[in-house]
Amino acid sequence: MTIIELTPETLPQHLNEKQLLLDFYAPWCSACKVLDKILASAAEKMPPDLVVGRIDIEKFPLVAAEYGVTSLPRLFFYRDGVLIEEKSGAISAQKLVEFVNR
């Protein structure tokens, strides 16, 4: 599992990853900080080709608006460029693993 910070310029190229978990967050968001810890604890159960792309909504509010992000954290899961599912709010490690293994 690879975690990368995305920008409006780099996002389009990563949408076609084999598997992309797109994470919209803000540095002040306590639930986002918890999600960071959950990602770390669930890493060994995640597919090895999973890319986690993170977008800071404070730096890139227009991207957040484009995706309709109104609450944090907000996750979008893509497989081969196709949106499979999206989820808002806190999520347990087990639910996160189930989310990306659908």
PDB file of N, CA and C in Angstrom:
ATOM      1  N   MET A   1       0.857  -1.181   0.000  1.00  0.00           N
ATOM      2  CA  MET A   1       0.000   0.000   0.000  1.00  0.00           C
ATOM      3  C   MET A   1       0.896   1.234   0.000  1.00  0.00           C
ATOM      4  N   THR A   2       0.629   2.114  -0.935  1.00  0.00           N
ATOM      5  CA  THR A   2       1.381   3.348  -1.076  1.00  0.00           C
ATOM      6  C   THR A   2       0.465   4.519  -0.743  1.00  0.00           C
ATOM      7  N   ILE A   3       0.963   5.486   0.048  1.00  0.00           N
ATOM      8  CA  ILE A   3       0.191   6.681   0.378  1.00  0.00           C
ATOM      9  C   ILE A   3       0.891   7.882  -0.248  1.00  0.00           C
ATOM     10  N   ILE A   4       0.131   8.655  -1.034  1.00  0.00           N
ATOM     11  CA  ILE A   4       0.695   9.828  -1.692  1.00  0.00           C
ATOM     12  C   ILE A   4      -0.219  11.040  -1.519  1.00  0.00           C
ATOM     13  N   GLU A   5       0.392  12.216  -1.456  1.00  0.00           N
ATOM     14  CA  GLU A   5      -0.357  13.462  -1.426  1.00  0.00           C
ATOM     15  C   GLU A   5      -0.651  13.849  -2.862  1.00  0.00           C
ATOM     16  N   LEU A   6      -1.901  14.138  -3.153  1.00  0.00           N
ATOM     17  CA  LEU A   6      -2.308  14.500  -4.504  1.00  0.00           C
ATOM     18  C   LEU A   6      -2.603  15.991  -4.606  1.00  0.00           C
ATOM     19  N   THR A   7      -2.508  16.492  -5.821  1.00  0.00           N
ATOM     20  CA  THR A   7      -2.845  17.877  -6.147  1.00  0.00           C
ATOM     21  C   THR A   7      -3.822  17.825  -7.320  1.00  0.00           C
ATOM     22  N   PRO A   8      -4.422  18.947  -7.677  1.00  0.00           N
ATOM     23  CA  PRO A   8      -5.304  18.938  -8.851  1.00  0.00           C
ATOM     24  C   PRO A   8      -4.565  18.496 -10.117  1.00  0.00           C
ATOM     25  N   GLU A   9      -3.263  18.747 -10.172  1.00  0.00           N
ATOM     26  CA  GLU A   9      -2.490  18.364 -11.343  1.00  0.00           C
ATOM     27  C   GLU A   9      -2.176  16.867 -11.378  1.00  0.00           C
ATOM     28  N   THR A  10      -1.939  16.261 -10.225  1.00  0.00           N
ATOM     29  CA  THR A  10      -1.561  14.841 -10.192  1.00  0.00           C
ATOM     30  C   THR A  10      -2.751  13.891 -10.060  1.00  0.00           C
ATOM     31  N   LEU A  11      -3.884  14.387  -9.604  1.00  0.00           N
ATOM     32  CA  LEU A  11      -5.056  13.524  -9.411  1.00  0.00           C
ATOM     33  C   LEU A  11      -5.472  12.775 -10.668  1.00  0.00           C
ATOM     34  N   PRO A  12      -5.609  13.425 -11.830  1.00  0.00           N
ATOM     35  CA  PRO A  12      -6.090  12.698 -13.018  1.00  0.00           C
ATOM     36  C   PRO A  12      -5.242  11.475 -13.385  1.00  0.00           C
ATOM     37  N   GLN A  13      -3.938  11.581 -13.255  1.00  0.00           N
ATOM     38  CA  GLN A  13      -3.091  10.439 -13.623  1.00  0.00           C
ATOM     39  C   GLN A  13      -3.248   9.269 -12.661  1.00  0.00           C
ATOM     40  N   HIS A  14      -3.627   9.545 -11.413  1.00  0.00           N
ATOM     41  CA  HIS A  14      -3.773   8.468 -10.435  1.00  0.00           C
ATOM     42  C   HIS A  14      -5.161   7.836 -10.428  1.00  0.00           C
ATOM     43  N   LEU A  15      -6.136   8.473 -11.044  1.00  0.00           N
ATOM     44  CA  LEU A  15      -7.479   7.894 -11.086  1.00  0.00           C
ATOM     45  C   LEU A  15      -7.506   6.568 -11.847  1.00  0.00           C
ATOM     46  N   ASN A  16      -6.521   6.326 -12.680  1.00  0.00           N
ATOM     47  CA  ASN A  16      -6.482   5.081 -13.443  1.00  0.00           C
ATOM     48  C   ASN A  16      -5.590   4.014 -12.825  1.00  0.00           C
ATOM     49  N   GLU A  17      -5.227   4.195 -11.555  1.00  0.00           N
ATOM     50  CA  GLU A  17      -4.460   3.164 -10.850  1.00  0.00           C
ATOM     51  C   GLU A  17      -5.290   1.889 -10.823  1.00  0.00           C
ATOM     52  N   LYS A  18      -4.616   0.767 -10.648  1.00  0.00           N
ATOM     53  CA  LYS A  18      -5.320  -0.509 -10.509  1.00  0.00           C
ATOM     54  C   LYS A  18      -6.366  -0.388  -9.403  1.00  0.00           C
ATOM     55  N   GLN A  19      -5.942   0.144  -8.237  1.00  0.00           N
ATOM     56  CA  GLN A  19      -6.867   0.384  -7.132  1.00  0.00           C
ATOM     57  C   GLN A  19      -6.449   1.680  -6.446  1.00  0.00           C
ATOM     58  N   LEU A  20      -7.382   2.611  -6.322  1.00  0.00           N
ATOM     59  CA  LEU A  20      -7.101   3.899  -5.692  1.00  0.00           C
ATOM     60  C   LEU A  20      -8.140   4.177  -4.616  1.00  0.00           C
ATOM     61  N   LEU A  21      -7.669   4.444  -3.418  1.00  0.00           N
ATOM     62  CA  LEU A  21      -8.516   4.921  -2.336  1.00  0.00           C
ATOM     63  C   LEU A  21      -8.235   6.413  -2.219  1.00  0.00           C
ATOM     64  N   LEU A  22      -9.191   7.227  -2.613  1.00  0.00           N
ATOM     65  CA  LEU A  22      -9.049   8.678  -2.612  1.00  0.00           C
ATOM     66  C   LEU A  22      -9.597   9.210  -1.288  1.00  0.00           C
ATOM     67  N   ASP A  23      -8.725   9.842  -0.518  1.00  0.00           N
ATOM     68  CA  ASP A  23      -9.036  10.292   0.834  1.00  0.00           C
ATOM     69  C   ASP A  23      -8.999  11.818   0.885  1.00  0.00           C
ATOM     70  N   PHE A  24     -10.165  12.439   1.074  1.00  0.00           N
ATOM     71  CA  PHE A  24     -10.234  13.884   1.267  1.00  0.00           C
ATOM     72  C   PHE A  24     -10.151  14.150   2.758  1.00  0.00           C
ATOM     73  N   TYR A  25      -9.234  15.038   3.164  1.00  0.00           N
ATOM     74  CA  TYR A  25      -9.001  15.290   4.585  1.00  0.00           C
ATOM     75  C   TYR A  25      -8.647  16.761   4.802  1.00  0.00           C
ATOM     76  N   ALA A  26      -8.563  17.132   6.075  1.00  0.00           N
ATOM     77  CA  ALA A  26      -8.067  18.451   6.466  1.00  0.00           C
ATOM     78  C   ALA A  26      -7.158  18.255   7.680  1.00  0.00           C
ATOM     79  N   PRO A  27      -6.115  19.044   7.802  1.00  0.00           N
ATOM     80  CA  PRO A  27      -5.185  18.888   8.929  1.00  0.00           C
ATOM     81  C   PRO A  27      -5.843  19.061  10.295  1.00  0.00           C
ATOM     82  N   TRP A  28      -6.905  19.847  10.390  1.00  0.00           N
ATOM     83  CA  TRP A  28      -7.589  20.098  11.658  1.00  0.00           C
ATOM     84  C   TRP A  28      -8.637  19.041  12.000  1.00  0.00           C
ATOM     85  N   CYS A  29      -8.896  18.123  11.097  1.00  0.00           N
ATOM     86  CA  CYS A  29      -9.976  17.140  11.259  1.00  0.00           C
ATOM     87  C   CYS A  29      -9.539  15.971  12.147  1.00  0.00           C
ATOM     88  N   SER A  30     -10.141  15.863  13.322  1.00  0.00           N
ATOM     89  CA  SER A  30      -9.753  14.789  14.249  1.00  0.00           C
ATOM     90  C   SER A  30     -10.136  13.411  13.709  1.00  0.00           C
ATOM     91  N   ALA A  31     -11.274  13.290  13.048  1.00  0.00           N
ATOM     92  CA  ALA A  31     -11.662  11.996  12.466  1.00  0.00           C
ATOM     93  C   ALA A  31     -10.693  11.590  11.351  1.00  0.00           C
ATOM     94  N   CYS A  32     -10.128  12.568  10.656  1.00  0.00           N
ATOM     95  CA  CYS A  32      -9.142  12.277   9.599  1.00  0.00           C
ATOM     96  C   CYS A  32      -7.858  11.730  10.213  1.00  0.00           C
ATOM     97  N   LYS A  33      -7.467  12.266  11.358  1.00  0.00           N
ATOM     98  CA  LYS A  33      -6.274  11.777  12.053  1.00  0.00           C
ATOM     99  C   LYS A  33      -6.488  10.347  12.534  1.00  0.00           C
ATOM    100  N   VAL A  34      -7.691  10.054  12.979  1.00  0.00           N
ATOM    101  CA  VAL A  34      -8.012   8.683  13.388  1.00  0.00           C
ATOM    102  C   VAL A  34      -7.949   7.757  12.170  1.00  0.00           C
ATOM    103  N   LEU A  35      -8.474   8.224  11.043  1.00  0.00           N
ATOM    104  CA  LEU A  35      -8.425   7.417   9.818  1.00  0.00           C
ATOM    105  C   LEU A  35      -6.983   7.115   9.415  1.00  0.00           C
ATOM    106  N   ASP A  36      -6.079   8.069   9.601  1.00  0.00           N
ATOM    107  CA  ASP A  36      -4.661   7.828   9.303  1.00  0.00           C
ATOM    108  C   ASP A  36      -4.137   6.639  10.100  1.00  0.00           C
ATOM    109  N   LYS A  37      -4.487   6.582  11.375  1.00  0.00           N
ATOM    110  CA  LYS A  37      -4.051   5.473  12.237  1.00  0.00           C
ATOM    111  C   LYS A  37      -4.703   4.164  11.806  1.00  0.00           C
ATOM    112  N   ILE A  38      -5.959   4.228  11.401  1.00  0.00           N
ATOM    113  CA  ILE A  38      -6.669   3.029  10.935  1.00  0.00           C
ATOM    114  C   ILE A  38      -6.034   2.514   9.648  1.00  0.00           C
ATOM    115  N   LEU A  39      -5.686   3.413   8.738  1.00  0.00           N
ATOM    116  CA  LEU A  39      -5.003   3.008   7.503  1.00  0.00           C
ATOM    117  C   LEU A  39      -3.694   2.296   7.824  1.00  0.00           C
ATOM    118  N   ALA A  40      -2.949   2.838   8.765  1.00  0.00           N
ATOM    119  CA  ALA A  40      -1.670   2.232   9.140  1.00  0.00           C
ATOM    120  C   ALA A  40      -1.878   0.849   9.745  1.00  0.00           C
ATOM    121  N   SER A  41      -2.896   0.708  10.597  1.00  0.00           N
ATOM    122  CA  SER A  41      -3.125  -0.586  11.248  1.00  0.00           C
ATOM    123  C   SER A  41      -3.697  -1.622  10.283  1.00  0.00           C
ATOM    124  N   ALA A  42      -4.399  -1.171   9.244  1.00  0.00           N
ATOM    125  CA  ALA A  42      -5.010  -2.093   8.284  1.00  0.00           C
ATOM    126  C   ALA A  42      -4.117  -2.351   7.075  1.00  0.00           C
ATOM    127  N   ALA A  43      -2.965  -1.721   7.004  1.00  0.00           N
ATOM    128  CA  ALA A  43      -2.106  -1.786   5.816  1.00  0.00           C
ATOM    129  C   ALA A  43      -1.775  -3.204   5.394  1.00  0.00           C
ATOM    130  N   GLU A  44      -1.495  -4.082   6.338  1.00  0.00           N
ATOM    131  CA  GLU A  44      -1.108  -5.452   5.977  1.00  0.00           C
ATOM    132  C   GLU A  44      -2.263  -6.263   5.395  1.00  0.00           C
ATOM    133  N   LYS A  45      -3.483  -5.814   5.635  1.00  0.00           N
ATOM    134  CA  LYS A  45      -4.650  -6.525   5.099  1.00  0.00           C
ATOM    135  C   LYS A  45      -5.157  -5.916   3.793  1.00  0.00           C
ATOM    136  N   MET A  46      -4.521  -4.836   3.378  1.00  0.00           N
ATOM    137  CA  MET A  46      -4.926  -4.150   2.150  1.00  0.00           C
ATOM    138  C   MET A  46      -4.241  -4.796   0.944  1.00  0.00           C
ATOM    139  N   PRO A  47      -4.846  -4.696  -0.224  1.00  0.00           N
ATOM    140  CA  PRO A  47      -4.189  -5.213  -1.429  1.00  0.00           C
ATOM    141  C   PRO A  47      -2.842  -4.512  -1.635  1.00  0.00           C
ATOM    142  N   PRO A  48      -1.813  -5.261  -2.023  1.00  0.00           N
ATOM    143  CA  PRO A  48      -0.488  -4.647  -2.174  1.00  0.00           C
ATOM    144  C   PRO A  48      -0.423  -3.573  -3.264  1.00  0.00           C
ATOM    145  N   ASP A  49      -1.318  -3.641  -4.248  1.00  0.00           N
ATOM    146  CA  ASP A  49      -1.299  -2.644  -5.321  1.00  0.00           C
ATOM    147  C   ASP A  49      -2.206  -1.442  -5.034  1.00  0.00           C
ATOM    148  N   LEU A  50      -2.750  -1.367  -3.829  1.00  0.00           N
ATOM    149  CA  LEU A  50      -3.621  -0.248  -3.466  1.00  0.00           C
ATOM    150  C   LEU A  50      -2.792   1.023  -3.309  1.00  0.00           C
ATOM    151  N   VAL A  51      -3.253   2.079  -3.938  1.00  0.00           N
ATOM    152  CA  VAL A  51      -2.665   3.405  -3.772  1.00  0.00           C
ATOM    153  C   VAL A  51      -3.673   4.242  -2.993  1.00  0.00           C
ATOM    154  N   VAL A  52      -3.215   4.856  -1.914  1.00  0.00           N
ATOM    155  CA  VAL A  52      -4.054   5.777  -1.153  1.00  0.00           C
ATOM    156  C   VAL A  52      -3.612   7.183  -1.541  1.00  0.00           C
ATOM    157  N   GLY A  53      -4.500   7.899  -2.178  1.00  0.00           N
ATOM    158  CA  GLY A  53      -4.224   9.274  -2.581  1.00  0.00           C
ATOM    159  C   GLY A  53      -4.963  10.220  -1.659  1.00  0.00           C
ATOM    160  N   ARG A  54      -4.229  11.126  -1.059  1.00  0.00           N
ATOM    161  CA  ARG A  54      -4.818  12.049  -0.093  1.00  0.00           C
ATOM    162  C   ARG A  54      -4.877  13.456  -0.677  1.00  0.00           C
ATOM    163  N   ILE A  55      -6.004  14.133  -0.457  1.00  0.00           N
ATOM    164  CA  ILE A  55      -6.177  15.507  -0.925  1.00  0.00           C
ATOM    165  C   ILE A  55      -6.592  16.379   0.256  1.00  0.00           C
ATOM    166  N   ASP A  56      -5.799  17.390   0.523  1.00  0.00           N
ATOM    167  CA  ASP A  56      -6.057  18.339   1.596  1.00  0.00           C
ATOM    168  C   ASP A  56      -7.088  19.360   1.098  1.00  0.00           C
ATOM    169  N   ILE A  57      -8.272  19.345   1.695  1.00  0.00           N
ATOM    170  CA  ILE A  57      -9.330  20.244   1.222  1.00  0.00           C
ATOM    171  C   ILE A  57      -9.047  21.707   1.557  1.00  0.00           C
ATOM    172  N   GLU A  58      -8.171  21.954   2.517  1.00  0.00           N
ATOM    173  CA  GLU A  58      -7.795  23.335   2.830  1.00  0.00           C
ATOM    174  C   GLU A  58      -6.959  23.924   1.692  1.00  0.00           C
ATOM    175  N   LYS A  59      -6.081  23.112   1.129  1.00  0.00           N
ATOM    176  CA  LYS A  59      -5.232  23.570   0.030  1.00  0.00           C
ATOM    177  C   LYS A  59      -5.973  23.565  -1.303  1.00  0.00           C
ATOM    178  N   PHE A  60      -6.878  22.612  -1.461  1.00  0.00           N
ATOM    179  CA  PHE A  60      -7.543  22.424  -2.763  1.00  0.00           C
ATOM    180  C   PHE A  60      -9.069  22.355  -2.608  1.00  0.00           C
ATOM    181  N   PRO A  61      -9.684  23.445  -2.163  1.00  0.00           N
ATOM    182  CA  PRO A  61     -11.142  23.439  -1.942  1.00  0.00           C
ATOM    183  C   PRO A  61     -11.948  23.231  -3.224  1.00  0.00           C
ATOM    184  N   LEU A  62     -11.430  23.642  -4.363  1.00  0.00           N
ATOM    185  CA  LEU A  62     -12.175  23.458  -5.608  1.00  0.00           C
ATOM    186  C   LEU A  62     -12.278  21.984  -5.989  1.00  0.00           C
ATOM    187  N   VAL A  63     -11.243  21.209  -5.707  1.00  0.00           N
ATOM    188  CA  VAL A  63     -11.293  19.765  -5.976  1.00  0.00           C
ATOM    189  C   VAL A  63     -12.325  19.124  -5.054  1.00  0.00           C
ATOM    190  N   ALA A  64     -12.323  19.519  -3.793  1.00  0.00           N
ATOM    191  CA  ALA A  64     -13.307  18.993  -2.848  1.00  0.00           C
ATOM    192  C   ALA A  64     -14.724  19.328  -3.310  1.00  0.00           C
ATOM    193  N   ALA A  65     -14.930  20.541  -3.768  1.00  0.00           N
ATOM    194  CA  ALA A  65     -16.252  20.942  -4.259  1.00  0.00           C
ATOM    195  C   ALA A  65     -16.636  20.144  -5.495  1.00  0.00           C
ATOM    196  N   GLU A  66     -15.683  19.899  -6.368  1.00  0.00           N
ATOM    197  CA  GLU A  66     -15.947  19.123  -7.585  1.00  0.00           C
ATOM    198  C   GLU A  66     -16.427  17.712  -7.252  1.00  0.00           C
ATOM    199  N   TYR A  67     -15.906  17.149  -6.165  1.00  0.00           N
ATOM    200  CA  TYR A  67     -16.287  15.802  -5.748  1.00  0.00           C
ATOM    201  C   TYR A  67     -17.460  15.796  -4.772  1.00  0.00           C
ATOM    202  N   GLY A  68     -17.983  16.959  -4.448  1.00  0.00           N
ATOM    203  CA  GLY A  68     -19.136  17.036  -3.560  1.00  0.00           C
ATOM    204  C   GLY A  68     -18.811  16.709  -2.112  1.00  0.00           C
ATOM    205  N   VAL A  69     -17.595  16.980  -1.697  1.00  0.00           N
ATOM    206  CA  VAL A  69     -17.178  16.674  -0.335  1.00  0.00           C
ATOM    207  C   VAL A  69     -17.759  17.724   0.606  1.00  0.00           C
ATOM    208  N   THR A  70     -18.632  17.262   1.503  1.00  0.00           N
ATOM    209  CA  THR A  70     -19.254  18.154   2.481  1.00  0.00           C
ATOM    210  C   THR A  70     -18.972  17.736   3.911  1.00  0.00           C
ATOM    211  N   SER A  71     -18.402  16.542   4.096  1.00  0.00           N
ATOM    212  CA  SER A  71     -18.025  16.081   5.430  1.00  0.00           C
ATOM    213  C   SER A  71     -16.723  15.306   5.318  1.00  0.00           C
ATOM    214  N   LEU A  72     -16.018  15.235   6.439  1.00  0.00           N
ATOM    215  CA  LEU A  72     -14.710  14.587   6.465  1.00  0.00           C
ATOM    216  C   LEU A  72     -14.661  13.486   7.513  1.00  0.00           C
ATOM    217  N   PRO A  73     -13.818  12.498   7.306  1.00  0.00           N
ATOM    218  CA  PRO A  73     -13.134  12.214   6.050  1.00  0.00           C
ATOM    219  C   PRO A  73     -14.117  11.703   5.005  1.00  0.00           C
ATOM    220  N   ARG A  74     -13.722  11.826   3.765  1.00  0.00           N
ATOM    221  CA  ARG A  74     -14.553  11.333   2.666  1.00  0.00           C
ATOM    222  C   ARG A  74     -13.679  10.454   1.786  1.00  0.00           C
ATOM    223  N   LEU A  75     -14.118   9.219   1.561  1.00  0.00           N
ATOM    224  CA  LEU A  75     -13.354   8.239   0.799  1.00  0.00           C
ATOM    225  C   LEU A  75     -14.066   7.868  -0.487  1.00  0.00           C
ATOM    226  N   PHE A  76     -13.293   7.750  -1.548  1.00  0.00           N
ATOM    227  CA  PHE A  76     -13.782   7.256  -2.833  1.00  0.00           C
ATOM    228  C   PHE A  76     -12.866   6.105  -3.224  1.00  0.00           C
ATOM    229  N   PHE A  77     -13.445   4.967  -3.583  1.00  0.00           N
ATOM    230  CA  PHE A  77     -12.640   3.827  -3.997  1.00  0.00           C
ATOM    231  C   PHE A  77     -12.818   3.581  -5.486  1.00  0.00           C
ATOM    232  N   TYR A  78     -11.695   3.595  -6.210  1.00  0.00           N
ATOM    233  CA  TYR A  78     -11.683   3.371  -7.656  1.00  0.00           C
ATOM    234  C   TYR A  78     -10.931   2.087  -7.971  1.00  0.00           C
ATOM    235  N   ARG A  79     -11.439   1.350  -8.937  1.00  0.00           N
ATOM    236  CA  ARG A  79     -10.738   0.178  -9.464  1.00  0.00           C
ATOM    237  C   ARG A  79     -10.666   0.352 -10.974  1.00  0.00           C
ATOM    238  N   ASP A  80      -9.454   0.361 -11.498  1.00  0.00           N
ATOM    239  CA  ASP A  80      -9.216   0.547 -12.939  1.00  0.00           C
ATOM    240  C   ASP A  80      -9.949   1.772 -13.485  1.00  0.00           C
ATOM    241  N   GLY A  81      -9.927   2.856 -12.709  1.00  0.00           N
ATOM    242  CA  GLY A  81     -10.514   4.107 -13.159  1.00  0.00           C
ATOM    243  C   GLY A  81     -12.009   4.236 -12.981  1.00  0.00           C
ATOM    244  N   VAL A  82     -12.652   3.219 -12.416  1.00  0.00           N
ATOM    245  CA  VAL A  82     -14.105   3.227 -12.229  1.00  0.00           C
ATOM    246  C   VAL A  82     -14.424   3.399 -10.741  1.00  0.00           C
ATOM    247  N   LEU A  83     -15.293   4.353 -10.419  1.00  0.00           N
ATOM    248  CA  LEU A  83     -15.707   4.546  -9.037  1.00  0.00           C
ATOM    249  C   LEU A  83     -16.547   3.355  -8.597  1.00  0.00           C
ATOM    250  N   ILE A  84     -16.079   2.674  -7.562  1.00  0.00           N
ATOM    251  CA  ILE A  84     -16.775   1.498  -7.034  1.00  0.00           C
ATOM    252  C   ILE A  84     -17.715   1.888  -5.894  1.00  0.00           C
ATOM    253  N   GLU A  85     -17.204   2.727  -4.987  1.00  0.00           N
ATOM    254  CA  GLU A  85     -18.011   3.105  -3.830  1.00  0.00           C
ATOM    255  C   GLU A  85     -17.422   4.343  -3.177  1.00  0.00           C
ATOM    256  N   GLU A  86     -18.250   5.037  -2.405  1.00  0.00           N
ATOM    257  CA  GLU A  86     -17.787   6.180  -1.629  1.00  0.00           C
ATOM    258  C   GLU A  86     -18.352   6.104  -0.225  1.00  0.00           C
ATOM    259  N   LYS A  87     -17.646   6.726   0.718  1.00  0.00           N
ATOM    260  CA  LYS A  87     -18.043   6.649   2.126  1.00  0.00           C
ATOM    261  C   LYS A  87     -17.639   7.932   2.825  1.00  0.00           C
ATOM    262  N   SER A  88     -18.512   8.423   3.698  1.00  0.00           N
ATOM    263  CA  SER A  88     -18.220   9.604   4.504  1.00  0.00           C
ATOM    264  C   SER A  88     -18.126   9.218   5.972  1.00  0.00           C
ATOM    265  N   GLY A  89     -17.267   9.919   6.694  1.00  0.00           N
ATOM    266  CA  GLY A  89     -17.174   9.745   8.137  1.00  0.00           C
ATOM    267  C   GLY A  89     -16.195   8.670   8.556  1.00  0.00           C
ATOM    268  N   ALA A  90     -16.210   8.427   9.849  1.00  0.00           N
ATOM    269  CA  ALA A  90     -15.296   7.456  10.456  1.00  0.00           C
ATOM    270  C   ALA A  90     -15.633   6.035  10.002  1.00  0.00           C
ATOM    271  N   ILE A  91     -14.605   5.207  10.006  1.00  0.00           N
ATOM    272  CA  ILE A  91     -14.759   3.826   9.563  1.00  0.00           C
ATOM    273  C   ILE A  91     -13.764   2.978  10.356  1.00  0.00           C
ATOM    274  N   SER A  92     -14.171   1.787  10.749  1.00  0.00           N
ATOM    275  CA  SER A  92     -13.268   0.904  11.486  1.00  0.00           C
ATOM    276  C   SER A  92     -12.271   0.259  10.522  1.00  0.00           C
ATOM    277  N   ALA A  93     -11.200  -0.303  11.066  1.00  0.00           N
ATOM    278  CA  ALA A  93     -10.193  -0.977  10.229  1.00  0.00           C
ATOM    279  C   ALA A  93     -10.836  -2.122   9.455  1.00  0.00           C
ATOM    280  N   GLN A  94     -11.685  -2.891  10.104  1.00  0.00           N
ATOM    281  CA  GLN A  94     -12.335  -4.018   9.438  1.00  0.00           C
ATOM    282  C   GLN A  94     -13.228  -3.531   8.294  1.00  0.00           C
ATOM    283  N   LYS A  95     -14.004  -2.492   8.529  1.00  0.00           N
ATOM    284  CA  LYS A  95     -14.874  -1.949   7.489  1.00  0.00           C
ATOM    285  C   LYS A  95     -14.063  -1.331   6.342  1.00  0.00           C
ATOM    286  N   LEU A  96     -12.928  -0.747   6.672  1.00  0.00           N
ATOM    287  CA  LEU A  96     -12.059  -0.189   5.640  1.00  0.00           C
ATOM    288  C   LEU A  96     -11.515  -1.292   4.737  1.00  0.00           C
ATOM    289  N   VAL A  97     -11.102  -2.400   5.320  1.00  0.00           N
ATOM    290  CA  VAL A  97     -10.598  -3.534   4.549  1.00  0.00           C
ATOM    291  C   VAL A  97     -11.724  -4.083   3.664  1.00  0.00           C
ATOM    292  N   GLU A  98     -12.920  -4.221   4.219  1.00  0.00           N
ATOM    293  CA  GLU A  98     -14.072  -4.694   3.432  1.00  0.00           C
ATOM    294  C   GLU A  98     -14.384  -3.702   2.306  1.00  0.00           C
ATOM    295  N   PHE A  99     -14.259  -2.417   2.596  1.00  0.00           N
ATOM    296  CA  PHE A  99     -14.541  -1.361   1.620  1.00  0.00           C
ATOM    297  C   PHE A  99     -13.677  -1.501   0.374  1.00  0.00           C
ATOM    298  N   VAL A 100     -12.381  -1.798   0.550  1.00  0.00           N
ATOM    299  CA  VAL A 100     -11.482  -1.889  -0.607  1.00  0.00           C
ATOM    300  C   VAL A 100     -11.388  -3.286  -1.192  1.00  0.00           C
ATOM    301  N   ASN A 101     -11.961  -4.271  -0.542  1.00  0.00           N
ATOM    302  CA  ASN A 101     -11.895  -5.640  -1.057  1.00  0.00           C
ATOM    303  C   ASN A 101     -13.190  -6.080  -1.714  1.00  0.00           C
ATOM    304  N   ARG A 102     -14.075  -5.172  -2.040  1.00  0.00           N
ATOM    305  CA  ARG A 102     -15.341  -5.509  -2.698  1.00  0.00           C
ATOM    306  C   ARG A 102     -15.115  -5.878  -4.124  1.00  0.00           C
TER     307      ARG A 102
END
